[in-house]
Amino acid sequence: MIRVVFICLGNICRSPMAEAILRKKVEEAGLSHLIHIDSAGTGSWHAGSKPHAGTKKILERENIPDRGMTAREITPEDLEADYVAAMDASNLGFIHRMAGHEKEINAFRLLDLLSEKKEPDVPDPYMTGDFNETYILIDEGTDALLSYIREQENI
């Protein structure tokens, strides 16, 4: 099973949005039996919470189920995923510090996969209030990620 984990700050806005969007794309591609998708946050403030109302509203608008996701904090096991996609440079730095210098991980910013990046980081809508911009960037990023996974895994 190919494991993908999305990481953001609190796991209530960006990473659960990315998890839900990629899950739908994977299902539509008939690859659910091959790819497991999850998300987590670098902090524990929102652990146990449902996705933010703004995230839920965007997902509902796009007919993307959130399947009862609950926020949680990143664990060392998450770093063992085949693809660890961070939403911004701060999240990526946290991931690398958590992994330490000894451990090799496949971690990157989601938008680094785009050939023509509008910006390197997915802005946090918890701060900006712009869930639509976040959705557009994550939608583009997850398209690129799924293509990359299919190429790398030959599926």
N, C-alpha and C. Protein backbone atom coordinates (compact mmCIF):
# COMPACT_ATOMS: atom_id res chain seq x y z
N MET A 1 0.85 -1.18 0.00
CA MET A 1 0.00 0.00 0.00
C MET A 1 0.89 1.24 0.00
N ILE A 2 0.62 2.15 -0.90
CA ILE A 2 1.33 3.43 -0.99
C ILE A 2 0.69 4.37 0.02
N ARG A 3 1.51 4.98 0.87
CA ARG A 3 1.00 5.87 1.92
C ARG A 3 1.34 7.32 1.61
N VAL A 4 0.31 8.16 1.67
CA VAL A 4 0.45 9.61 1.50
C VAL A 4 -0.07 10.27 2.76
N VAL A 5 0.68 11.21 3.31
CA VAL A 5 0.20 11.98 4.45
C VAL A 5 0.44 13.46 4.17
N PHE A 6 -0.61 14.25 4.40
CA PHE A 6 -0.54 15.70 4.26
C PHE A 6 -0.34 16.32 5.64
N ILE A 7 0.53 17.33 5.71
CA ILE A 7 0.83 17.96 6.99
C ILE A 7 0.60 19.47 6.90
N CYS A 8 -0.15 20.00 7.88
CA CYS A 8 -0.27 21.45 8.04
C CYS A 8 -0.11 21.77 9.52
N LEU A 9 -0.50 22.94 9.93
CA LEU A 9 -0.28 23.37 11.31
C LEU A 9 -1.22 22.67 12.29
N GLY A 10 -2.53 22.84 12.11
CA GLY A 10 -3.48 22.33 13.09
C GLY A 10 -4.31 21.15 12.64
N ASN A 11 -4.21 20.77 11.37
CA ASN A 11 -4.95 19.64 10.80
C ASN A 11 -6.47 19.86 10.83
N ILE A 12 -6.88 21.13 10.63
CA ILE A 12 -8.32 21.38 10.51
C ILE A 12 -8.68 22.12 9.23
N CYS A 13 -7.69 22.66 8.51
CA CYS A 13 -7.99 23.42 7.29
C CYS A 13 -7.33 22.80 6.06
N ARG A 14 -6.05 23.03 5.89
CA ARG A 14 -5.37 22.65 4.65
C ARG A 14 -5.15 21.16 4.49
N SER A 15 -4.57 20.50 5.48
CA SER A 15 -4.25 19.08 5.29
C SER A 15 -5.49 18.20 5.19
N PRO A 16 -6.56 18.44 5.97
CA PRO A 16 -7.75 17.61 5.74
C PRO A 16 -8.41 17.90 4.39
N MET A 17 -8.31 19.17 3.94
CA MET A 17 -8.84 19.49 2.62
C MET A 17 -8.08 18.70 1.56
N ALA A 18 -6.76 18.68 1.67
CA ALA A 18 -5.93 17.94 0.71
C ALA A 18 -6.22 16.44 0.79
N GLU A 19 -6.38 15.92 2.00
CA GLU A 19 -6.70 14.50 2.17
C GLU A 19 -8.00 14.14 1.46
N ALA A 20 -9.03 14.95 1.67
CA ALA A 20 -10.34 14.67 1.07
C ALA A 20 -10.29 14.80 -0.45
N ILE A 21 -9.62 15.83 -0.95
CA ILE A 21 -9.53 16.06 -2.40
C ILE A 21 -8.77 14.92 -3.06
N LEU A 22 -7.61 14.56 -2.52
CA LEU A 22 -6.84 13.47 -3.14
C LEU A 22 -7.58 12.15 -3.03
N ARG A 23 -8.24 11.90 -1.91
CA ARG A 23 -8.99 10.65 -1.75
C ARG A 23 -10.04 10.52 -2.87
N LYS A 24 -10.74 11.61 -3.16
CA LYS A 24 -11.76 11.55 -4.22
C LYS A 24 -11.09 11.28 -5.57
N LYS A 25 -9.98 11.92 -5.84
CA LYS A 25 -9.27 11.71 -7.12
C LYS A 25 -8.76 10.28 -7.24
N VAL A 26 -8.27 9.74 -6.14
CA VAL A 26 -7.77 8.36 -6.13
C VAL A 26 -8.93 7.39 -6.36
N GLU A 27 -10.07 7.64 -5.73
CA GLU A 27 -11.25 6.80 -5.93
C GLU A 27 -11.70 6.86 -7.39
N GLU A 28 -11.76 8.07 -7.94
CA GLU A 28 -12.19 8.23 -9.33
C GLU A 28 -11.23 7.55 -10.31
N ALA A 29 -9.96 7.46 -9.93
CA ALA A 29 -8.96 6.80 -10.78
C ALA A 29 -8.93 5.28 -10.56
N GLY A 30 -9.75 4.79 -9.63
CA GLY A 30 -9.78 3.36 -9.34
C GLY A 30 -8.53 2.86 -8.64
N LEU A 31 -7.90 3.72 -7.83
CA LEU A 31 -6.64 3.36 -7.18
C LEU A 31 -6.75 3.26 -5.66
N SER A 32 -7.96 3.25 -5.13
CA SER A 32 -8.15 3.22 -3.67
C SER A 32 -7.52 2.00 -3.02
N HIS A 33 -7.45 0.92 -3.74
CA HIS A 33 -6.86 -0.30 -3.19
C HIS A 33 -5.34 -0.23 -3.13
N LEU A 34 -4.75 0.79 -3.76
CA LEU A 34 -3.29 0.93 -3.80
C LEU A 34 -2.75 2.09 -2.97
N ILE A 35 -3.58 3.11 -2.76
CA ILE A 35 -3.10 4.35 -2.12
C ILE A 35 -3.92 4.66 -0.87
N HIS A 36 -3.23 4.79 0.26
CA HIS A 36 -3.86 5.19 1.53
C HIS A 36 -3.50 6.65 1.79
N ILE A 37 -4.48 7.47 2.12
CA ILE A 37 -4.28 8.91 2.31
C ILE A 37 -4.68 9.30 3.72
N ASP A 38 -3.87 10.14 4.35
CA ASP A 38 -4.11 10.59 5.71
C ASP A 38 -3.63 12.03 5.84
N SER A 39 -3.86 12.62 7.00
CA SER A 39 -3.36 13.98 7.27
C SER A 39 -3.13 14.15 8.76
N ALA A 40 -2.30 15.13 9.09
CA ALA A 40 -1.98 15.42 10.49
C ALA A 40 -1.50 16.86 10.60
N GLY A 41 -1.39 17.33 11.83
CA GLY A 41 -0.91 18.68 12.09
C GLY A 41 0.36 18.67 12.90
N THR A 42 1.13 19.74 12.79
CA THR A 42 2.37 19.83 13.57
C THR A 42 2.10 20.17 15.03
N GLY A 43 0.92 20.67 15.31
CA GLY A 43 0.54 21.01 16.68
C GLY A 43 -0.66 20.20 17.14
N SER A 44 -0.89 20.19 18.43
CA SER A 44 -1.98 19.38 19.00
C SER A 44 -3.20 20.20 19.41
N TRP A 45 -3.17 21.52 19.13
CA TRP A 45 -4.25 22.41 19.61
C TRP A 45 -5.63 21.93 19.22
N HIS A 46 -5.77 21.40 18.01
CA HIS A 46 -7.10 21.03 17.50
C HIS A 46 -7.33 19.52 17.50
N ALA A 47 -6.45 18.75 18.12
CA ALA A 47 -6.59 17.29 18.13
C ALA A 47 -7.99 16.90 18.60
N GLY A 48 -8.62 16.02 17.83
CA GLY A 48 -9.97 15.58 18.14
C GLY A 48 -11.06 16.40 17.49
N SER A 49 -10.70 17.54 16.88
CA SER A 49 -11.68 18.42 16.24
C SER A 49 -11.99 17.96 14.82
N LYS A 50 -13.17 18.33 14.36
CA LYS A 50 -13.56 18.11 12.97
C LYS A 50 -12.90 19.19 12.11
N PRO A 51 -12.90 19.01 10.79
CA PRO A 51 -12.36 20.07 9.93
C PRO A 51 -13.08 21.41 10.18
N HIS A 52 -12.36 22.49 9.95
CA HIS A 52 -12.88 23.86 10.10
C HIS A 52 -14.13 24.02 9.23
N ALA A 53 -15.06 24.83 9.68
CA ALA A 53 -16.31 25.07 8.94
C ALA A 53 -16.03 25.55 7.52
N GLY A 54 -15.01 26.38 7.34
CA GLY A 54 -14.66 26.86 6.00
C GLY A 54 -14.19 25.74 5.09
N THR A 55 -13.45 24.80 5.63
CA THR A 55 -13.01 23.64 4.86
C THR A 55 -14.21 22.77 4.50
N LYS A 56 -15.07 22.51 5.48
CA LYS A 56 -16.26 21.69 5.23
C LYS A 56 -17.14 22.32 4.16
N LYS A 57 -17.29 23.64 4.20
CA LYS A 57 -18.14 24.34 3.23
C LYS A 57 -17.59 24.18 1.81
N ILE A 58 -16.29 24.35 1.64
CA ILE A 58 -15.66 24.19 0.31
C ILE A 58 -15.81 22.76 -0.17
N LEU A 59 -15.55 21.78 0.70
CA LEU A 59 -15.67 20.38 0.30
C LEU A 59 -17.10 20.03 -0.09
N GLU A 60 -18.07 20.53 0.67
CA GLU A 60 -19.48 20.30 0.33
C GLU A 60 -19.81 20.93 -1.02
N ARG A 61 -19.33 22.15 -1.25
CA ARG A 61 -19.57 22.84 -2.53
C ARG A 61 -19.05 22.01 -3.70
N GLU A 62 -17.92 21.36 -3.50
CA GLU A 62 -17.28 20.59 -4.56
C GLU A 62 -17.70 19.11 -4.56
N ASN A 63 -18.68 18.77 -3.72
CA ASN A 63 -19.16 17.38 -3.60
C ASN A 63 -18.04 16.41 -3.25
N ILE A 64 -17.21 16.82 -2.30
CA ILE A 64 -16.10 15.99 -1.83
C ILE A 64 -16.40 15.61 -0.38
N PRO A 65 -16.60 14.32 -0.10
CA PRO A 65 -16.89 13.92 1.28
C PRO A 65 -15.69 14.08 2.20
N ASP A 66 -15.97 14.46 3.46
CA ASP A 66 -14.87 14.55 4.42
C ASP A 66 -14.81 13.30 5.31
N ARG A 67 -15.74 12.42 5.17
CA ARG A 67 -15.74 11.11 5.82
C ARG A 67 -15.37 11.14 7.30
N GLY A 68 -15.91 12.07 8.03
CA GLY A 68 -15.72 12.11 9.47
C GLY A 68 -14.29 12.27 9.94
N MET A 69 -13.48 13.00 9.20
CA MET A 69 -12.09 13.21 9.59
C MET A 69 -11.99 13.93 10.93
N THR A 70 -10.96 13.59 11.69
CA THR A 70 -10.70 14.18 12.99
C THR A 70 -9.24 14.62 13.05
N ALA A 71 -9.01 15.83 13.52
CA ALA A 71 -7.64 16.37 13.60
C ALA A 71 -6.79 15.55 14.56
N ARG A 72 -5.52 15.42 14.20
CA ARG A 72 -4.56 14.73 15.06
C ARG A 72 -3.18 15.32 14.84
N GLU A 73 -2.30 15.05 15.78
CA GLU A 73 -0.93 15.53 15.70
C GLU A 73 -0.06 14.51 14.96
N ILE A 74 0.91 15.00 14.22
CA ILE A 74 1.84 14.15 13.49
C ILE A 74 2.57 13.20 14.45
N THR A 75 2.83 11.99 13.97
CA THR A 75 3.56 10.99 14.74
C THR A 75 4.81 10.56 13.97
N PRO A 76 5.77 9.93 14.62
CA PRO A 76 6.94 9.42 13.90
C PRO A 76 6.56 8.45 12.78
N GLU A 77 5.49 7.70 12.96
CA GLU A 77 5.04 6.77 11.93
C GLU A 77 4.61 7.49 10.66
N ASP A 78 4.09 8.71 10.79
CA ASP A 78 3.69 9.48 9.61
C ASP A 78 4.89 9.75 8.70
N LEU A 79 6.06 9.90 9.29
CA LEU A 79 7.26 10.19 8.51
C LEU A 79 7.71 8.99 7.68
N GLU A 80 7.16 7.82 7.96
CA GLU A 80 7.48 6.62 7.21
C GLU A 80 6.61 6.48 5.95
N ALA A 81 5.68 7.41 5.76
CA ALA A 81 4.83 7.38 4.56
C ALA A 81 5.70 7.52 3.32
N ASP A 82 5.20 7.01 2.22
CA ASP A 82 5.94 7.09 0.95
C ASP A 82 6.02 8.53 0.45
N TYR A 83 4.99 9.32 0.75
CA TYR A 83 4.93 10.71 0.31
C TYR A 83 4.40 11.55 1.48
N VAL A 84 5.21 12.48 1.97
CA VAL A 84 4.83 13.37 3.06
C VAL A 84 4.76 14.77 2.48
N ALA A 85 3.53 15.26 2.27
CA ALA A 85 3.32 16.54 1.59
C ALA A 85 2.98 17.63 2.60
N ALA A 86 3.89 18.58 2.76
CA ALA A 86 3.69 19.70 3.68
C ALA A 86 3.00 20.85 2.95
N MET A 87 2.23 21.62 3.69
CA MET A 87 1.53 22.74 3.09
C MET A 87 2.39 23.99 2.96
N ASP A 88 3.42 24.10 3.78
CA ASP A 88 4.28 25.29 3.68
C ASP A 88 5.69 24.98 4.20
N ALA A 89 6.57 25.95 4.05
CA ALA A 89 7.97 25.78 4.44
C ALA A 89 8.12 25.52 5.94
N SER A 90 7.30 26.17 6.74
CA SER A 90 7.35 25.96 8.19
C SER A 90 7.01 24.52 8.54
N ASN A 91 5.95 23.99 7.93
CA ASN A 91 5.57 22.59 8.16
C ASN A 91 6.68 21.65 7.72
N LEU A 92 7.29 21.94 6.57
CA LEU A 92 8.36 21.09 6.05
C LEU A 92 9.57 21.12 6.99
N GLY A 93 9.90 22.29 7.50
CA GLY A 93 10.99 22.39 8.46
C GLY A 93 10.72 21.58 9.71
N PHE A 94 9.49 21.63 10.20
CA PHE A 94 9.10 20.84 11.38
C PHE A 94 9.29 19.36 11.10
N ILE A 95 8.84 18.91 9.93
CA ILE A 95 8.96 17.50 9.55
C ILE A 95 10.42 17.06 9.56
N HIS A 96 11.28 17.87 8.96
CA HIS A 96 12.70 17.52 8.90
C HIS A 96 13.35 17.52 10.29
N ARG A 97 12.97 18.48 11.13
CA ARG A 97 13.50 18.49 12.50
C ARG A 97 13.03 17.26 13.27
N MET A 98 11.77 16.89 13.07
CA MET A 98 11.23 15.71 13.75
C MET A 98 11.94 14.44 13.29
N ALA A 99 12.24 14.37 12.00
CA ALA A 99 12.90 13.18 11.45
C ALA A 99 14.35 13.09 11.89
N GLY A 100 14.99 14.22 12.08
CA GLY A 100 16.41 14.23 12.43
C GLY A 100 17.27 13.99 11.20
N HIS A 101 18.56 14.06 11.38
CA HIS A 101 19.49 13.93 10.26
C HIS A 101 19.72 12.48 9.84
N GLU A 102 19.43 11.56 10.72
CA GLU A 102 19.72 10.15 10.46
C GLU A 102 18.69 9.52 9.52
N LYS A 103 17.48 10.02 9.56
CA LYS A 103 16.38 9.36 8.86
C LYS A 103 16.12 10.01 7.51
N GLU A 104 16.05 9.17 6.48
CA GLU A 104 15.72 9.67 5.15
C GLU A 104 14.21 9.57 4.94
N ILE A 105 13.62 10.70 4.60
CA ILE A 105 12.17 10.74 4.38
C ILE A 105 11.88 11.40 3.05
N ASN A 106 10.72 11.10 2.49
CA ASN A 106 10.31 11.72 1.24
C ASN A 106 9.30 12.81 1.56
N ALA A 107 9.80 13.96 2.01
CA ALA A 107 8.95 15.08 2.39
C ALA A 107 9.22 16.27 1.48
N PHE A 108 8.16 16.98 1.14
CA PHE A 108 8.24 18.09 0.21
C PHE A 108 7.03 18.98 0.42
N ARG A 109 7.11 20.22 -0.10
CA ARG A 109 5.92 21.09 -0.10
C ARG A 109 5.04 20.66 -1.26
N LEU A 110 3.76 20.57 -1.03
CA LEU A 110 2.82 20.14 -2.06
C LEU A 110 2.97 20.94 -3.34
N LEU A 111 3.08 22.25 -3.24
CA LEU A 111 3.13 23.09 -4.43
C LEU A 111 4.46 23.02 -5.16
N ASP A 112 5.48 22.39 -4.56
CA ASP A 112 6.75 22.20 -5.26
C ASP A 112 6.59 21.29 -6.47
N LEU A 113 5.50 20.53 -6.51
CA LEU A 113 5.26 19.62 -7.63
C LEU A 113 4.69 20.32 -8.85
N LEU A 114 4.25 21.55 -8.68
CA LEU A 114 3.68 22.30 -9.81
C LEU A 114 4.80 22.86 -10.67
N SER A 115 4.67 22.69 -11.98
CA SER A 115 5.70 23.22 -12.88
C SER A 115 5.69 24.75 -12.90
N GLU A 116 4.52 25.32 -12.79
CA GLU A 116 4.41 26.78 -12.74
C GLU A 116 3.75 27.17 -11.43
N LYS A 117 4.58 27.39 -10.42
CA LYS A 117 4.07 27.73 -9.09
C LYS A 117 3.63 29.18 -9.04
N LYS A 118 2.44 29.40 -8.52
CA LYS A 118 2.00 30.77 -8.25
C LYS A 118 2.71 31.26 -6.99
N GLU A 119 2.83 30.38 -6.03
CA GLU A 119 3.53 30.65 -4.78
C GLU A 119 3.97 29.31 -4.21
N PRO A 120 5.02 29.31 -3.39
CA PRO A 120 5.55 28.03 -2.91
C PRO A 120 4.73 27.39 -1.79
N ASP A 121 4.02 28.19 -1.02
CA ASP A 121 3.28 27.69 0.13
C ASP A 121 1.78 27.81 -0.09
N VAL A 122 1.03 26.86 0.48
CA VAL A 122 -0.42 26.97 0.51
C VAL A 122 -0.76 27.87 1.71
N PRO A 123 -1.34 29.04 1.46
CA PRO A 123 -1.67 29.95 2.57
C PRO A 123 -2.66 29.29 3.53
N ASP A 124 -2.51 29.59 4.81
CA ASP A 124 -3.39 29.02 5.83
C ASP A 124 -4.68 29.83 5.90
N PRO A 125 -5.82 29.25 5.49
CA PRO A 125 -7.07 30.00 5.51
C PRO A 125 -7.57 30.29 6.92
N TYR A 126 -7.02 29.61 7.91
CA TYR A 126 -7.34 29.92 9.30
C TYR A 126 -6.91 31.35 9.60
N MET A 127 -5.83 31.78 8.94
CA MET A 127 -5.30 33.14 9.11
C MET A 127 -5.85 34.10 8.06
N THR A 128 -5.94 33.64 6.80
CA THR A 128 -6.34 34.53 5.70
C THR A 128 -7.85 34.63 5.52
N GLY A 129 -8.57 33.58 5.91
CA GLY A 129 -10.02 33.53 5.69
C GLY A 129 -10.40 33.15 4.28
N ASP A 130 -9.41 32.95 3.39
CA ASP A 130 -9.69 32.66 1.98
C ASP A 130 -9.59 31.16 1.70
N PHE A 131 -10.66 30.45 2.00
CA PHE A 131 -10.69 29.00 1.79
C PHE A 131 -10.75 28.65 0.31
N ASN A 132 -11.30 29.54 -0.51
CA ASN A 132 -11.38 29.27 -1.94
C ASN A 132 -9.99 29.25 -2.57
N GLU A 133 -9.14 30.22 -2.23
CA GLU A 133 -7.77 30.24 -2.76
C GLU A 133 -7.04 28.96 -2.33
N THR A 134 -7.23 28.58 -1.08
CA THR A 134 -6.60 27.37 -0.57
C THR A 134 -7.07 26.16 -1.36
N TYR A 135 -8.37 26.08 -1.61
CA TYR A 135 -8.92 24.96 -2.39
C TYR A 135 -8.29 24.90 -3.78
N ILE A 136 -8.22 26.03 -4.46
CA ILE A 136 -7.68 26.06 -5.83
C ILE A 136 -6.24 25.55 -5.84
N LEU A 137 -5.42 26.04 -4.92
CA LEU A 137 -4.02 25.62 -4.87
C LEU A 137 -3.88 24.14 -4.53
N ILE A 138 -4.66 23.68 -3.56
CA ILE A 138 -4.59 22.26 -3.17
C ILE A 138 -5.11 21.37 -4.29
N ASP A 139 -6.15 21.81 -4.98
CA ASP A 139 -6.67 21.03 -6.11
C ASP A 139 -5.59 20.85 -7.18
N GLU A 140 -4.90 21.93 -7.51
CA GLU A 140 -3.81 21.85 -8.49
C GLU A 140 -2.67 20.99 -7.97
N GLY A 141 -2.33 21.17 -6.71
CA GLY A 141 -1.24 20.41 -6.11
C GLY A 141 -1.53 18.92 -6.04
N THR A 142 -2.77 18.56 -5.72
CA THR A 142 -3.10 17.13 -5.63
C THR A 142 -3.17 16.50 -7.02
N ASP A 143 -3.54 17.26 -8.03
CA ASP A 143 -3.46 16.74 -9.41
C ASP A 143 -2.01 16.38 -9.73
N ALA A 144 -1.10 17.30 -9.42
CA ALA A 144 0.32 17.07 -9.68
C ALA A 144 0.85 15.91 -8.84
N LEU A 145 0.42 15.82 -7.59
CA LEU A 145 0.88 14.74 -6.72
C LEU A 145 0.41 13.39 -7.23
N LEU A 146 -0.85 13.29 -7.63
CA LEU A 146 -1.34 12.01 -8.14
C LEU A 146 -0.60 11.61 -9.40
N SER A 147 -0.35 12.55 -10.29
CA SER A 147 0.44 12.25 -11.50
C SER A 147 1.84 11.78 -11.13
N TYR A 148 2.45 12.44 -10.16
CA TYR A 148 3.80 12.09 -9.71
C TYR A 148 3.81 10.68 -9.11
N ILE A 149 2.83 10.38 -8.27
CA ILE A 149 2.75 9.05 -7.67
C ILE A 149 2.57 7.99 -8.74
N ARG A 150 1.69 8.24 -9.69
CA ARG A 150 1.46 7.26 -10.76
C ARG A 150 2.74 7.01 -11.55
N GLU A 151 3.49 8.07 -11.79
CA GLU A 151 4.75 7.94 -12.52
C GLU A 151 5.79 7.19 -11.69
N GLN A 152 5.95 7.59 -10.44
CA GLN A 152 6.96 6.98 -9.57
C GLN A 152 6.66 5.52 -9.24
N GLU A 153 5.39 5.21 -9.05
CA GLU A 153 4.98 3.87 -8.64
C GLU A 153 4.57 2.99 -9.83
N ASN A 154 4.59 3.59 -11.02
CA ASN A 154 4.24 2.85 -12.24
C ASN A 154 2.82 2.26 -12.17
N ILE A 155 1.86 3.11 -11.76
CA ILE A 155 0.47 2.65 -11.66
C ILE A 155 -0.44 3.51 -12.51
